[in-house]
Amino acid sequence: MPLVDIEVIEGVFDQAQKAAMIEKVTNAMVEIEGEAMRGVTWVRVKEVRSGQWGIGGSTPSTADIKAMAAG
């Protein structure tokens, strides 16, 4: 039974986007393992508070990530 954790900065993704992550990651695991594993494939989306994690020594905020995504 696979358990996949996805960690994201709090407030960056809305509920629909998180649901899409769960669906697509589940589908990817089922593609590898077979349809029989769908019902036992767990995917969790965990939110980490803005400023509580870092990349390359800096701590990007929710606003910073949204600005990056906007391009």
C-alpha atoms as a PDB file:
ATOM      1  CA  MET A   1       0.000   0.000   0.000  1.00  0.00           C
ATOM      2  CA  PRO A   2       1.777   3.164  -1.146  1.00  0.00           C
ATOM      3  CA  LEU A   3       1.670   6.384   0.850  1.00  0.00           C
ATOM      4  CA  VAL A   4       2.721   9.517  -1.035  1.00  0.00           C
ATOM      5  CA  ASP A   5       3.219  12.806   0.840  1.00  0.00           C
ATOM      6  CA  ILE A   6       3.230  16.123  -1.004  1.00  0.00           C
ATOM      7  CA  GLU A   7       4.367  19.156   0.981  1.00  0.00           C
ATOM      8  CA  VAL A   8       3.466  22.648  -0.196  1.00  0.00           C
ATOM      9  CA  ILE A   9       3.559  26.143   1.268  1.00  0.00           C
ATOM     10  CA  GLU A  10       0.290  27.006   2.993  1.00  0.00           C
ATOM     11  CA  GLY A  11      -2.055  29.142   0.934  1.00  0.00           C
ATOM     12  CA  VAL A  12      -0.373  28.612  -2.441  1.00  0.00           C
ATOM     13  CA  PHE A  13      -2.786  25.994  -3.798  1.00  0.00           C
ATOM     14  CA  ASP A  14      -6.573  26.015  -3.507  1.00  0.00           C
ATOM     15  CA  GLN A  15      -8.718  22.976  -2.710  1.00  0.00           C
ATOM     16  CA  ALA A  16      -9.326  22.160  -6.389  1.00  0.00           C
ATOM     17  CA  GLN A  17      -5.595  22.196  -7.132  1.00  0.00           C
ATOM     18  CA  LYS A  18      -4.852  19.948  -4.156  1.00  0.00           C
ATOM     19  CA  ALA A  19      -7.598  17.550  -5.260  1.00  0.00           C
ATOM     20  CA  ALA A  20      -6.033  17.485  -8.746  1.00  0.00           C
ATOM     21  CA  MET A  21      -2.638  16.643  -7.203  1.00  0.00           C
ATOM     22  CA  ILE A  22      -4.178  13.755  -5.290  1.00  0.00           C
ATOM     23  CA  GLU A  23      -6.005  12.421  -8.345  1.00  0.00           C
ATOM     24  CA  LYS A  24      -3.015  12.677 -10.681  1.00  0.00           C
ATOM     25  CA  VAL A  25      -0.517  11.179  -8.255  1.00  0.00           C
ATOM     26  CA  THR A  26      -2.949   8.332  -7.528  1.00  0.00           C
ATOM     27  CA  ASN A  27      -3.324   7.722 -11.260  1.00  0.00           C
ATOM     28  CA  ALA A  28       0.460   7.706 -11.700  1.00  0.00           C
ATOM     29  CA  MET A  29       0.874   5.120  -8.934  1.00  0.00           C
ATOM     30  CA  VAL A  30      -1.924   2.966 -10.370  1.00  0.00           C
ATOM     31  CA  GLU A  31      -0.270   3.129 -13.787  1.00  0.00           C
ATOM     32  CA  ILE A  32       2.865   1.640 -12.230  1.00  0.00           C
ATOM     33  CA  GLU A  33       1.291  -0.797  -9.771  1.00  0.00           C
ATOM     34  CA  GLY A  34      -1.962  -1.768 -11.457  1.00  0.00           C
ATOM     35  CA  GLU A  35      -5.619  -0.876 -11.000  1.00  0.00           C
ATOM     36  CA  ALA A  36      -6.016  -3.247  -8.056  1.00  0.00           C
ATOM     37  CA  MET A  37      -3.900  -0.831  -5.968  1.00  0.00           C
ATOM     38  CA  ARG A  38      -6.142   2.228  -6.495  1.00  0.00           C
ATOM     39  CA  GLY A  39      -8.207   1.606  -3.367  1.00  0.00           C
ATOM     40  CA  VAL A  40      -5.152   1.350  -1.145  1.00  0.00           C
ATOM     41  CA  THR A  41      -3.084   4.193  -2.601  1.00  0.00           C
ATOM     42  CA  TRP A  42      -2.880   7.047  -0.104  1.00  0.00           C
ATOM     43  CA  VAL A  43      -1.878  10.580  -1.113  1.00  0.00           C
ATOM     44  CA  ARG A  44      -1.594  13.340   1.483  1.00  0.00           C
ATOM     45  CA  VAL A  45      -1.098  17.036   0.805  1.00  0.00           C
ATOM     46  CA  LYS A  46       0.556  18.695   3.770  1.00  0.00           C
ATOM     47  CA  GLU A  47       0.811  22.451   4.064  1.00  0.00           C
ATOM     48  CA  VAL A  48       3.842  24.065   5.674  1.00  0.00           C
ATOM     49  CA  ARG A  49       3.514  27.596   7.033  1.00  0.00           C
ATOM     50  CA  SER A  50       5.013  30.378   4.990  1.00  0.00           C
ATOM     51  CA  GLY A  51       8.548  31.070   6.226  1.00  0.00           C
ATOM     52  CA  GLN A  52       8.881  27.604   7.818  1.00  0.00           C
ATOM     53  CA  TRP A  53      10.973  26.075   5.053  1.00  0.00           C
ATOM     54  CA  GLY A  54      13.728  27.197   2.737  1.00  0.00           C
ATOM     55  CA  ILE A  55      15.277  26.818  -0.681  1.00  0.00           C
ATOM     56  CA  GLY A  56      18.940  27.595  -1.207  1.00  0.00           C
ATOM     57  CA  GLY A  57      19.215  29.261   2.192  1.00  0.00           C
ATOM     58  CA  SER A  58      16.246  31.601   1.735  1.00  0.00           C
ATOM     59  CA  THR A  59      12.702  31.285   3.094  1.00  0.00           C
ATOM     60  CA  PRO A  60      10.231  32.139   0.324  1.00  0.00           C
ATOM     61  CA  SER A  61       6.802  33.320   1.433  1.00  0.00           C
ATOM     62  CA  THR A  62       3.427  32.348   0.022  1.00  0.00           C
ATOM     63  CA  ALA A  63       3.463  35.628  -1.924  1.00  0.00           C
ATOM     64  CA  ASP A  64       6.929  34.837  -3.330  1.00  0.00           C
ATOM     65  CA  ILE A  65       5.768  31.439  -4.623  1.00  0.00           C
ATOM     66  CA  LYS A  66       2.611  32.907  -6.141  1.00  0.00           C
ATOM     67  CA  ALA A  67       4.708  35.576  -7.879  1.00  0.00           C
ATOM     68  CA  MET A  68       6.999  32.876  -9.304  1.00  0.00           C
ATOM     69  CA  ALA A  69       4.013  30.923 -10.595  1.00  0.00           C
ATOM     70  CA  ALA A  70       2.566  34.050 -12.228  1.00  0.00           C
ATOM     71  CA  GLY A  71       5.725  34.299 -14.199  1.00  0.00           C
END
